[in-house]
C-alpha atoms as a PDB file:
ATOM      1  CA  MET A   1      41.909 -35.143   6.656  1.00  0.00           C
ATOM      2  CA  LYS A   2      41.471 -31.515   7.727  1.00  0.00           C
ATOM      3  CA  HIS A   3      40.030 -32.481  11.125  1.00  0.00           C
ATOM      4  CA  PHE A   4      42.797 -35.068  11.583  1.00  0.00           C
ATOM      5  CA  ILE A   5      45.469 -32.378  11.124  1.00  0.00           C
ATOM      6  CA  ILE A   6      43.618 -30.063  13.518  1.00  0.00           C
ATOM      7  CA  ILE A   7      43.474 -32.815  16.158  1.00  0.00           C
ATOM      8  CA  LEU A   8      47.215 -33.456  15.764  1.00  0.00           C
ATOM      9  CA  LEU A   9      47.857 -29.767  16.374  1.00  0.00           C
ATOM     10  CA  ALA A  10      45.558 -29.905  19.380  1.00  0.00           C
ATOM     11  CA  VAL A  11      47.482 -32.820  20.823  1.00  0.00           C
ATOM     12  CA  ALA A  12      50.708 -30.912  20.236  1.00  0.00           C
ATOM     13  CA  ALA A  13      49.290 -27.919  22.058  1.00  0.00           C
ATOM     14  CA  PHE A  14      48.198 -30.146  24.923  1.00  0.00           C
ATOM     15  CA  SER A  15      51.703 -31.569  25.145  1.00  0.00           C
ATOM     16  CA  ILE A  16      53.080 -28.037  25.353  1.00  0.00           C
ATOM     17  CA  ASN A  17      50.652 -27.412  28.190  1.00  0.00           C
ATOM     18  CA  LEU A  18      51.812 -30.459  30.156  1.00  0.00           C
ATOM     19  CA  LYS A  19      55.471 -29.726  29.582  1.00  0.00           C
ATOM     20  CA  ALA A  20      54.961 -26.178  30.819  1.00  0.00           C
ATOM     21  CA  GLN A  21      53.529 -27.517  34.069  1.00  0.00           C
ATOM     22  CA  GLU A  22      56.704 -29.567  34.595  1.00  0.00           C
ATOM     23  CA  SER A  23      59.058 -26.617  33.926  1.00  0.00           C
ATOM     24  CA  SER A  24      57.673 -23.687  35.860  1.00  0.00           C
ATOM     25  CA  SER A  25      61.173 -22.302  36.397  1.00  0.00           C
ATOM     26  CA  ASP A  26      61.714 -21.733  32.659  1.00  0.00           C
ATOM     27  CA  ALA A  27      60.733 -18.114  31.880  1.00  0.00           C
ATOM     28  CA  LYS A  28      60.143 -18.963  28.212  1.00  0.00           C
ATOM     29  CA  SER A  29      57.948 -22.012  28.768  1.00  0.00           C
ATOM     30  CA  VAL A  30      54.214 -22.024  28.101  1.00  0.00           C
ATOM     31  CA  GLY A  31      51.812 -22.108  31.036  1.00  0.00           C
ATOM     32  CA  LYS A  32      48.408 -23.723  31.448  1.00  0.00           C
ATOM     33  CA  ASN A  33      45.371 -22.606  29.466  1.00  0.00           C
ATOM     34  CA  GLN A  34      47.505 -21.265  26.625  1.00  0.00           C
ATOM     35  CA  GLU A  35      46.000 -20.177  23.299  1.00  0.00           C
ATOM     36  CA  LEU A  36      47.948 -21.124  20.183  1.00  0.00           C
ATOM     37  CA  VAL A  37      47.050 -18.752  17.319  1.00  0.00           C
ATOM     38  CA  ILE A  38      48.371 -19.929  13.944  1.00  0.00           C
ATOM     39  CA  THR A  39      48.284 -17.490  11.019  1.00  0.00           C
ATOM     40  CA  LYS A  40      50.179 -17.349   7.768  1.00  0.00           C
ATOM     41  CA  ASP A  41      53.237 -15.702   9.281  1.00  0.00           C
ATOM     42  CA  THR A  42      53.031 -16.082  13.070  1.00  0.00           C
ATOM     43  CA  VAL A  43      52.408 -18.486  15.933  1.00  0.00           C
ATOM     44  CA  LYS A  44      51.220 -16.955  19.215  1.00  0.00           C
ATOM     45  CA  LEU A  45      50.516 -18.496  22.635  1.00  0.00           C
ATOM     46  CA  SER A  46      48.259 -17.009  25.293  1.00  0.00           C
ATOM     47  CA  GLY A  47      45.635 -18.081  27.850  1.00  0.00           C
ATOM     48  CA  ASN A  48      44.908 -19.110  31.446  1.00  0.00           C
ATOM     49  CA  LYS A  49      43.814 -21.955  33.743  1.00  0.00           C
ATOM     50  CA  ASP A  50      42.785 -25.376  32.364  1.00  0.00           C
ATOM     51  CA  THR A  51      42.016 -24.772  28.687  1.00  0.00           C
ATOM     52  CA  THR A  52      44.317 -24.793  25.676  1.00  0.00           C
ATOM     53  CA  ILE A  53      42.976 -23.334  22.406  1.00  0.00           C
ATOM     54  CA  VAL A  54      44.411 -24.013  18.967  1.00  0.00           C
ATOM     55  CA  ARG A  55      43.093 -21.383  16.550  1.00  0.00           C
ATOM     56  CA  ILE A  56      43.594 -21.962  12.811  1.00  0.00           C
ATOM     57  CA  GLY A  57      41.930 -19.286  10.709  1.00  0.00           C
ATOM     58  CA  LYS A  58      38.214 -19.455  11.520  1.00  0.00           C
ATOM     59  CA  ASN A  59      38.494 -22.791  13.367  1.00  0.00           C
ATOM     60  CA  ASP A  60      39.037 -23.406  17.093  1.00  0.00           C
ATOM     61  CA  VAL A  61      40.264 -26.585  18.750  1.00  0.00           C
ATOM     62  CA  LYS A  62      39.862 -26.514  22.555  1.00  0.00           C
ATOM     63  CA  VAL A  63      41.784 -28.910  24.774  1.00  0.00           C
ATOM     64  CA  ILE A  64      40.155 -28.832  28.221  1.00  0.00           C
ATOM     65  CA  THR A  65      41.769 -30.597  31.200  1.00  0.00           C
ATOM     66  CA  HIS A  66      39.447 -32.002  33.909  1.00  0.00           C
ATOM     67  CA  GLY A  67      41.776 -33.535  36.517  1.00  0.00           C
ATOM     68  CA  ASN A  68      43.134 -36.659  34.839  1.00  0.00           C
ATOM     69  CA  ASN A  69      40.732 -36.382  31.868  1.00  0.00           C
ATOM     70  CA  THR A  70      41.154 -34.372  28.668  1.00  0.00           C
ATOM     71  CA  GLU A  71      38.361 -33.124  26.370  1.00  0.00           C
ATOM     72  CA  ILE A  72      38.977 -31.960  22.777  1.00  0.00           C
ATOM     73  CA  LEU A  73      36.312 -29.728  21.128  1.00  0.00           C
ATOM     74  CA  LEU A  74      36.200 -28.666  17.461  1.00  0.00           C
ATOM     75  CA  GLY A  75      34.278 -25.586  16.319  1.00  0.00           C
ATOM     76  CA  LYS A  76      34.200 -22.305  14.457  1.00  0.00           C
ATOM     77  CA  ASN A  77      35.894 -19.229  15.891  1.00  0.00           C
ATOM     78  CA  LYS A  78      32.969 -16.869  16.598  1.00  0.00           C
ATOM     79  CA  THR A  79      35.136 -13.916  17.533  1.00  0.00           C
ATOM     80  CA  LYS A  80      34.732 -10.971  15.159  1.00  0.00           C
ATOM     81  CA  LYS A  81      36.992  -7.953  15.235  1.00  0.00           C
ATOM     82  CA  HIS A  82      35.392  -4.752  14.033  1.00  0.00           C
ATOM     83  CA  HIS A  83      38.284  -2.512  14.967  1.00  0.00           C
ATOM     84  CA  GLY A  84      39.486  -0.719  11.879  1.00  0.00           C
ATOM     85  CA  GLU A  85      36.499  -1.711   9.743  1.00  0.00           C
ATOM     86  CA  LYS A  86      35.051   0.830   7.351  1.00  0.00           C
ATOM     87  CA  PHE A  87      31.507   2.098   7.708  1.00  0.00           C
ATOM     88  CA  GLU A  88      29.138   0.347   5.286  1.00  0.00           C
ATOM     89  CA  GLY A  89      25.701   1.962   4.929  1.00  0.00           C
ATOM     90  CA  HIS A  90      22.424   0.484   3.733  1.00  0.00           C
ATOM     91  CA  TRP A  91      20.967   1.947   0.551  1.00  0.00           C
ATOM     92  CA  GLN A  92      22.125  -0.140  -2.402  1.00  0.00           C
ATOM     93  CA  GLY A  93      19.707  -2.898  -3.374  1.00  0.00           C
ATOM     94  CA  LEU A  94      16.071  -3.527  -4.277  1.00  0.00           C
ATOM     95  CA  ASP A  95      12.993  -1.824  -2.776  1.00  0.00           C
ATOM     96  CA  LEU A  96       9.450  -3.186  -3.072  1.00  0.00           C
ATOM     97  CA  GLY A  97       6.685  -1.004  -1.646  1.00  0.00           C
ATOM     98  CA  PHE A  98       3.039   0.059  -1.623  1.00  0.00           C
ATOM     99  CA  ASN A  99       1.981   3.599  -2.578  1.00  0.00           C
ATOM    100  CA  GLY A 100      -0.783   5.851  -1.334  1.00  0.00           C
ATOM    101  CA  PHE A 101      -1.906   9.477  -1.053  1.00  0.00           C
ATOM    102  CA  ASP A 102      -2.322  11.348   2.234  1.00  0.00           C
ATOM    103  CA  ASN A 103      -4.226  14.587   2.950  1.00  0.00           C
ATOM    104  CA  ALA A 104      -6.095  14.415  -0.365  1.00  0.00           C
ATOM    105  CA  ASP A 105      -7.789  17.737  -1.250  1.00  0.00           C
ATOM    106  CA  TYR A 106     -10.184  17.842  -4.232  1.00  0.00           C
ATOM    107  CA  SER A 107     -11.809  21.138  -3.241  1.00  0.00           C
ATOM    108  CA  MET A 108     -11.093  22.734  -6.644  1.00  0.00           C
ATOM    109  CA  TYR A 109     -13.065  19.993  -8.421  1.00  0.00           C
ATOM    110  CA  GLU A 110     -16.749  19.067  -8.562  1.00  0.00           C
ATOM    111  CA  VAL A 111     -15.831  15.359  -8.625  1.00  0.00           C
ATOM    112  CA  ALA A 112     -14.200  14.126  -5.428  1.00  0.00           C
ATOM    113  CA  ASP A 113     -11.783  11.208  -5.001  1.00  0.00           C
ATOM    114  CA  PHE A 114     -11.329  10.570  -8.728  1.00  0.00           C
ATOM    115  CA  MET A 115      -7.664   9.670  -7.926  1.00  0.00           C
ATOM    116  CA  SER A 116      -8.408   7.521  -4.875  1.00  0.00           C
ATOM    117  CA  VAL A 117      -5.999   4.561  -5.102  1.00  0.00           C
ATOM    118  CA  ASN A 118      -6.135   0.879  -4.293  1.00  0.00           C
ATOM    119  CA  GLN A 119      -3.062   0.814  -2.059  1.00  0.00           C
ATOM    120  CA  GLY A 120      -2.672  -2.968  -2.169  1.00  0.00           C
ATOM    121  CA  LYS A 121      -2.275  -2.801  -5.963  1.00  0.00           C
ATOM    122  CA  SER A 122      -0.331   0.480  -6.135  1.00  0.00           C
ATOM    123  CA  HIS A 123       3.296  -0.621  -6.180  1.00  0.00           C
ATOM    124  CA  GLU A 124       6.760   0.900  -6.057  1.00  0.00           C
ATOM    125  CA  VAL A 125       9.871  -0.792  -7.431  1.00  0.00           C
ATOM    126  CA  GLY A 126      13.159   0.845  -6.451  1.00  0.00           C
ATOM    127  CA  LEU A 127      16.572   0.027  -7.941  1.00  0.00           C
ATOM    128  CA  ASN A 128      19.297   1.596  -5.791  1.00  0.00           C
ATOM    129  CA  LEU A 129      22.387   1.083  -7.906  1.00  0.00           C
ATOM    130  CA  TRP A 130      25.199   2.921  -6.114  1.00  0.00           C
ATOM    131  CA  ASN A 131      26.157   3.492  -2.483  1.00  0.00           C
ATOM    132  CA  LEU A 132      28.375   6.276  -1.068  1.00  0.00           C
ATOM    133  CA  ASN A 133      29.477   5.787   2.563  1.00  0.00           C
ATOM    134  CA  ILE A 134      31.102   8.425   4.788  1.00  0.00           C
ATOM    135  CA  GLY A 135      32.150   7.210   8.242  1.00  0.00           C
ATOM    136  CA  VAL A 136      31.488   9.546  11.178  1.00  0.00           C
ATOM    137  CA  TYR A 137      32.318   7.344  14.175  1.00  0.00           C
ATOM    138  CA  LYS A 138      34.301   4.153  13.594  1.00  0.00           C
ATOM    139  CA  SER A 139      32.167   1.682  11.637  1.00  0.00           C
ATOM    140  CA  TYR A 140      28.973   2.340  13.620  1.00  0.00           C
ATOM    141  CA  ILE A 141      27.792   5.819  12.570  1.00  0.00           C
ATOM    142  CA  GLY A 142      27.986   7.402   9.142  1.00  0.00           C
ATOM    143  CA  LEU A 143      26.381   9.297   6.289  1.00  0.00           C
ATOM    144  CA  VAL A 144      24.905   7.442   3.322  1.00  0.00           C
ATOM    145  CA  SER A 145      24.248   8.745  -0.174  1.00  0.00           C
ATOM    146  CA  GLY A 146      24.054   7.211  -3.621  1.00  0.00           C
ATOM    147  CA  LEU A 147      21.954   6.971  -6.749  1.00  0.00           C
ATOM    148  CA  GLY A 148      18.821   5.044  -7.636  1.00  0.00           C
ATOM    149  CA  PHE A 149      15.578   4.851  -9.581  1.00  0.00           C
ATOM    150  CA  THR A 150      11.963   4.328  -8.499  1.00  0.00           C
ATOM    151  CA  PHE A 151       8.959   3.329 -10.599  1.00  0.00           C
ATOM    152  CA  ASN A 152       5.630   4.162  -8.957  1.00  0.00           C
ATOM    153  CA  ASP A 153       2.173   2.932  -9.958  1.00  0.00           C
ATOM    154  CA  TYR A 154      -1.017   4.448  -8.537  1.00  0.00           C
ATOM    155  CA  LYS A 155      -3.967   2.234  -9.447  1.00  0.00           C
ATOM    156  CA  PHE A 156      -7.275   4.112  -9.280  1.00  0.00           C
ATOM    157  CA  GLU A 157     -10.157   2.572  -7.357  1.00  0.00           C
ATOM    158  CA  ASN A 158     -12.838   4.465  -9.285  1.00  0.00           C
ATOM    159  CA  PRO A 159     -13.490   4.323 -13.073  1.00  0.00           C
ATOM    160  CA  TYR A 160     -11.627   7.527 -13.924  1.00  0.00           C
ATOM    161  CA  THR A 161      -8.486   8.606 -15.712  1.00  0.00           C
ATOM    162  CA  ILE A 162      -6.928  12.078 -15.910  1.00  0.00           C
ATOM    163  CA  VAL A 163      -5.973  14.307 -18.838  1.00  0.00           C
ATOM    164  CA  LYS A 164      -4.032  17.558 -19.105  1.00  0.00           C
ATOM    165  CA  SER A 165      -6.140  20.584 -20.051  1.00  0.00           C
ATOM    166  CA  THR A 166      -5.088  24.230 -20.507  1.00  0.00           C
ATOM    167  CA  ASN A 167      -4.800  25.159 -16.815  1.00  0.00           C
ATOM    168  CA  ARG A 168      -4.965  21.905 -14.854  1.00  0.00           C
ATOM    169  CA  ILE A 169      -5.559  18.194 -15.086  1.00  0.00           C
ATOM    170  CA  GLU A 170      -9.161  17.080 -15.432  1.00  0.00           C
ATOM    171  CA  PRO A 171     -10.890  13.845 -14.459  1.00  0.00           C
ATOM    172  CA  VAL A 172     -12.450  11.768 -17.238  1.00  0.00           C
ATOM    173  CA  ALA A 173     -15.116   9.191 -16.371  1.00  0.00           C
ATOM    174  CA  LEU A 174     -14.681   5.810 -18.040  1.00  0.00           C
ATOM    175  CA  SER A 175     -17.731   3.903 -19.205  1.00  0.00           C
ATOM    176  CA  TYR A 176     -16.125   0.730 -20.545  1.00  0.00           C
ATOM    177  CA  ASP A 177     -17.991  -2.424 -19.511  1.00  0.00           C
ATOM    178  CA  ASP A 178     -14.758  -4.408 -19.757  1.00  0.00           C
ATOM    179  CA  LEU A 179     -12.531  -1.915 -17.875  1.00  0.00           C
ATOM    180  CA  SER A 180      -9.796  -3.871 -16.039  1.00  0.00           C
ATOM    181  CA  LYS A 181      -7.231  -1.216 -15.087  1.00  0.00           C
ATOM    182  CA  THR A 182      -6.762   2.541 -14.840  1.00  0.00           C
ATOM    183  CA  LYS A 183      -3.605   3.937 -13.270  1.00  0.00           C
ATOM    184  CA  LEU A 184      -0.947   6.642 -13.131  1.00  0.00           C
ATOM    185  CA  SER A 185       2.764   5.752 -13.404  1.00  0.00           C
ATOM    186  CA  VAL A 186       5.680   8.032 -12.453  1.00  0.00           C
ATOM    187  CA  ALA A 187       9.440   7.318 -12.661  1.00  0.00           C
ATOM    188  CA  TYR A 188      12.116   9.189 -10.657  1.00  0.00           C
ATOM    189  CA  LEU A 189      15.888   9.457 -10.350  1.00  0.00           C
ATOM    190  CA  ASN A 190      16.783   9.572  -6.615  1.00  0.00           C
ATOM    191  CA  VAL A 191      19.676  10.831  -4.484  1.00  0.00           C
ATOM    192  CA  PRO A 192      19.479  10.207  -0.702  1.00  0.00           C
ATOM    193  CA  LEU A 193      21.243  11.838   2.231  1.00  0.00           C
ATOM    194  CA  LEU A 194      20.878   9.615   5.298  1.00  0.00           C
ATOM    195  CA  LEU A 195      22.369   9.442   8.784  1.00  0.00           C
ATOM    196  CA  GLU A 196      22.811   5.819   9.825  1.00  0.00           C
ATOM    197  CA  PHE A 197      23.410   4.116  13.182  1.00  0.00           C
ATOM    198  CA  GLN A 198      24.473   0.479  13.476  1.00  0.00           C
ATOM    199  CA  ILE A 199      24.095  -1.643  16.628  1.00  0.00           C
ATOM    200  CA  PRO A 200      26.075  -4.912  16.961  1.00  0.00           C
ATOM    201  CA  VAL A 201      23.867  -7.840  18.004  1.00  0.00           C
ATOM    202  CA  ASN A 202      24.261 -11.583  18.511  1.00  0.00           C
ATOM    203  CA  GLN A 203      27.830 -11.254  19.827  1.00  0.00           C
ATOM    204  CA  ASN A 204      28.880  -9.105  16.865  1.00  0.00           C
ATOM    205  CA  ALA A 205      27.662 -11.706  14.366  1.00  0.00           C
ATOM    206  CA  GLY A 206      25.451  -9.057  12.748  1.00  0.00           C
ATOM    207  CA  ARG A 207      24.226  -5.490  13.055  1.00  0.00           C
ATOM    208  CA  LEU A 208      20.875  -3.808  13.400  1.00  0.00           C
ATOM    209  CA  TYR A 209      20.798  -0.609  11.334  1.00  0.00           C
ATOM    210  CA  ILE A 210      18.609   2.483  11.518  1.00  0.00           C
ATOM    211  CA  ASN A 211      18.898   5.415   9.120  1.00  0.00           C
ATOM    212  CA  ALA A 212      16.830   8.474   8.311  1.00  0.00           C
ATOM    213  CA  GLY A 213      17.107  11.580   6.166  1.00  0.00           C
ATOM    214  CA  ILE A 214      16.051  13.252   2.940  1.00  0.00           C
ATOM    215  CA  LEU A 215      15.467  11.745  -0.501  1.00  0.00           C
ATOM    216  CA  GLY A 216      15.654  14.158  -3.429  1.00  0.00           C
ATOM    217  CA  SER A 217      14.034  13.004  -6.683  1.00  0.00           C
ATOM    218  CA  VAL A 218      13.858  14.225 -10.285  1.00  0.00           C
ATOM    219  CA  LYS A 219      10.922  13.124 -12.430  1.00  0.00           C
ATOM    220  CA  LEU A 220      12.026  11.126 -15.461  1.00  0.00           C
ATOM    221  CA  GLY A 221       8.597  10.510 -16.949  1.00  0.00           C
ATOM    222  CA  SER A 222       4.915   9.877 -16.301  1.00  0.00           C
ATOM    223  CA  HIS A 223       1.872   8.476 -18.049  1.00  0.00           C
ATOM    224  CA  THR A 224      -1.639   7.172 -17.515  1.00  0.00           C
ATOM    225  CA  LYS A 225      -2.786   3.754 -18.657  1.00  0.00           C
ATOM    226  CA  VAL A 226      -6.326   2.521 -19.236  1.00  0.00           C
ATOM    227  CA  LYS A 227      -6.804  -1.156 -20.002  1.00  0.00           C
ATOM    228  CA  HIS A 228     -10.144  -2.400 -21.305  1.00  0.00           C
ATOM    229  CA  GLY A 229     -10.745  -5.591 -23.189  1.00  0.00           C
ATOM    230  CA  GLY A 230      -7.686  -6.165 -25.370  1.00  0.00           C
ATOM    231  CA  SER A 231      -6.858  -2.443 -25.624  1.00  0.00           C
ATOM    232  CA  LYS A 232      -4.346  -0.316 -23.690  1.00  0.00           C
ATOM    233  CA  ASP A 233      -4.658   3.474 -23.901  1.00  0.00           C
ATOM    234  CA  LYS A 234      -1.686   5.555 -22.655  1.00  0.00           C
ATOM    235  CA  ASP A 235      -1.223   9.315 -22.246  1.00  0.00           C
ATOM    236  CA  TYR A 236       2.323  10.787 -21.954  1.00  0.00           C
ATOM    237  CA  SER A 237       1.308  14.468 -21.878  1.00  0.00           C
ATOM    238  CA  GLY A 238       3.165  15.294 -18.624  1.00  0.00           C
ATOM    239  CA  LEU A 239       0.065  15.784 -16.485  1.00  0.00           C
ATOM    240  CA  ASN A 240       1.441  18.778 -14.504  1.00  0.00           C
ATOM    241  CA  ILE A 241       3.331  16.524 -12.086  1.00  0.00           C
ATOM    242  CA  ASN A 242       6.074  18.307 -10.112  1.00  0.00           C
ATOM    243  CA  SER A 243       9.490  17.855 -11.694  1.00  0.00           C
ATOM    244  CA  PHE A 244      11.136  17.586  -8.267  1.00  0.00           C
ATOM    245  CA  LYS A 245      10.044  15.628  -5.206  1.00  0.00           C
ATOM    246  CA  TYR A 246      11.445  15.710  -1.656  1.00  0.00           C
ATOM    247  CA  ASP A 247      10.751  12.872   0.759  1.00  0.00           C
ATOM    248  CA  ALA A 248      11.433  12.331   4.432  1.00  0.00           C
ATOM    249  CA  THR A 249      12.570   8.719   4.615  1.00  0.00           C
ATOM    250  CA  ALA A 250      13.701   6.109   7.163  1.00  0.00           C
ATOM    251  CA  ARG A 251      14.950   2.528   7.106  1.00  0.00           C
ATOM    252  CA  ILE A 252      15.406  -0.142   9.753  1.00  0.00           C
ATOM    253  CA  GLY A 253      16.708  -3.672   9.313  1.00  0.00           C
ATOM    254  CA  TYR A 254      19.162  -6.413  10.082  1.00  0.00           C
ATOM    255  CA  GLN A 255      21.968  -7.416   7.752  1.00  0.00           C
ATOM    256  CA  GLY A 256      20.565  -7.158   4.186  1.00  0.00           C
ATOM    257  CA  ILE A 257      16.810  -7.103   4.874  1.00  0.00           C
ATOM    258  CA  GLY A 258      14.810  -4.166   6.191  1.00  0.00           C
ATOM    259  CA  LEU A 259      11.704  -2.010   6.144  1.00  0.00           C
ATOM    260  CA  TYR A 260      11.498   1.499   4.708  1.00  0.00           C
ATOM    261  CA  ALA A 261       9.037   4.373   4.556  1.00  0.00           C
ATOM    262  CA  LYS A 262       8.854   7.611   2.535  1.00  0.00           C
ATOM    263  CA  TYR A 263       6.611  10.631   2.988  1.00  0.00           C
ATOM    264  CA  SER A 264       6.648  13.439   0.438  1.00  0.00           C
ATOM    265  CA  MET A 265       7.190  17.020   1.598  1.00  0.00           C
ATOM    266  CA  ASN A 266       5.563  18.470  -1.533  1.00  0.00           C
ATOM    267  CA  SER A 267       2.409  17.701  -3.503  1.00  0.00           C
ATOM    268  CA  LEU A 268       2.330  15.333  -6.464  1.00  0.00           C
ATOM    269  CA  PHE A 269       1.020  18.059  -8.799  1.00  0.00           C
ATOM    270  CA  GLN A 270       2.170  21.604  -9.407  1.00  0.00           C
ATOM    271  CA  ASN A 271       0.352  24.164  -7.261  1.00  0.00           C
ATOM    272  CA  GLY A 272      -3.163  24.826  -8.569  1.00  0.00           C
ATOM    273  CA  LYS A 273      -2.779  22.439 -11.515  1.00  0.00           C
ATOM    274  CA  GLY A 274      -4.197  19.326  -9.918  1.00  0.00           C
ATOM    275  CA  PRO A 275      -5.634  17.997  -6.643  1.00  0.00           C
ATOM    276  CA  ASP A 276      -3.441  18.434  -3.571  1.00  0.00           C
ATOM    277  CA  LEU A 277      -2.103  14.904  -2.933  1.00  0.00           C
ATOM    278  CA  THR A 278       0.809  13.889  -0.677  1.00  0.00           C
ATOM    279  CA  PRO A 279       2.441  10.624  -1.846  1.00  0.00           C
ATOM    280  CA  PHE A 280       3.793   8.113   0.670  1.00  0.00           C
ATOM    281  CA  THR A 281       5.307   4.623   0.400  1.00  0.00           C
ATOM    282  CA  ILE A 282       5.832   1.732   2.837  1.00  0.00           C
ATOM    283  CA  GLY A 283       7.841  -1.320   1.826  1.00  0.00           C
ATOM    284  CA  ILE A 284      10.620  -3.854   2.263  1.00  0.00           C
ATOM    285  CA  SER A 285      14.226  -3.519   1.123  1.00  0.00           C
ATOM    286  CA  PHE A 286      16.769  -6.144   0.073  1.00  0.00           C
ATOM    287  CA  GLY A 287      20.411  -5.082   0.246  1.00  0.00           C
ATOM    288  CA  ILE A 288      23.226  -6.163  -2.037  1.00  0.00           C
END
């Protein structure tokens, strides 16, 4: 029924086209290749040459004249107008990443690499709950901020855990025959400040986005976990982890899917109270 009505309107538009050709002396008549735009409140005619377009919302009906023949085409209107749109940044959503340590320095310890991690099993889950967008240039360039949480696991490759002593953390060797997991977990509250650029692609059907900036984080909690047999041992003693973390971060993607990376600008532990480890994360993001 909908297509039938559209075709009737197309035929009407075609009739207008033919009538206009017969009355070229009438200043108010409609010429060839006119476009009939129908909205809630207005009807507009425009165009050129041998094509008449009937546009109803997101639908187009094209009436094309080829000599004595007429062709009628139905389709979606692919034209998108971005003029006047607000800038919409990319932060809010879900992050899934892999964690690691760079520039590891164990020089203050006799045991080296006791916090070496299995990066494939050291995961980050990020929940970015709120987005703040500030347009700088139209809808293509802007600043992005917001609020989110990250939960980071660092799974140790070697049979060690760590404990907090008087002056620093200390490694503890594990001798369980049935040891299945030993890891460190840290949770943060995050606030980003990003500069974002958006590039229209596919005839404005979508946009490629690139942003980069600083991510400030406050530690919410941390603990170690050792799993052996049916037992799980956890330590919530604080472990001398820095209360604040600052990351350089960047994101690139299309529409709601992208890649992201973070590289910490300060060490995981307080100065002199643990090995010098620089956390980093690489992952995929899913926007809301």
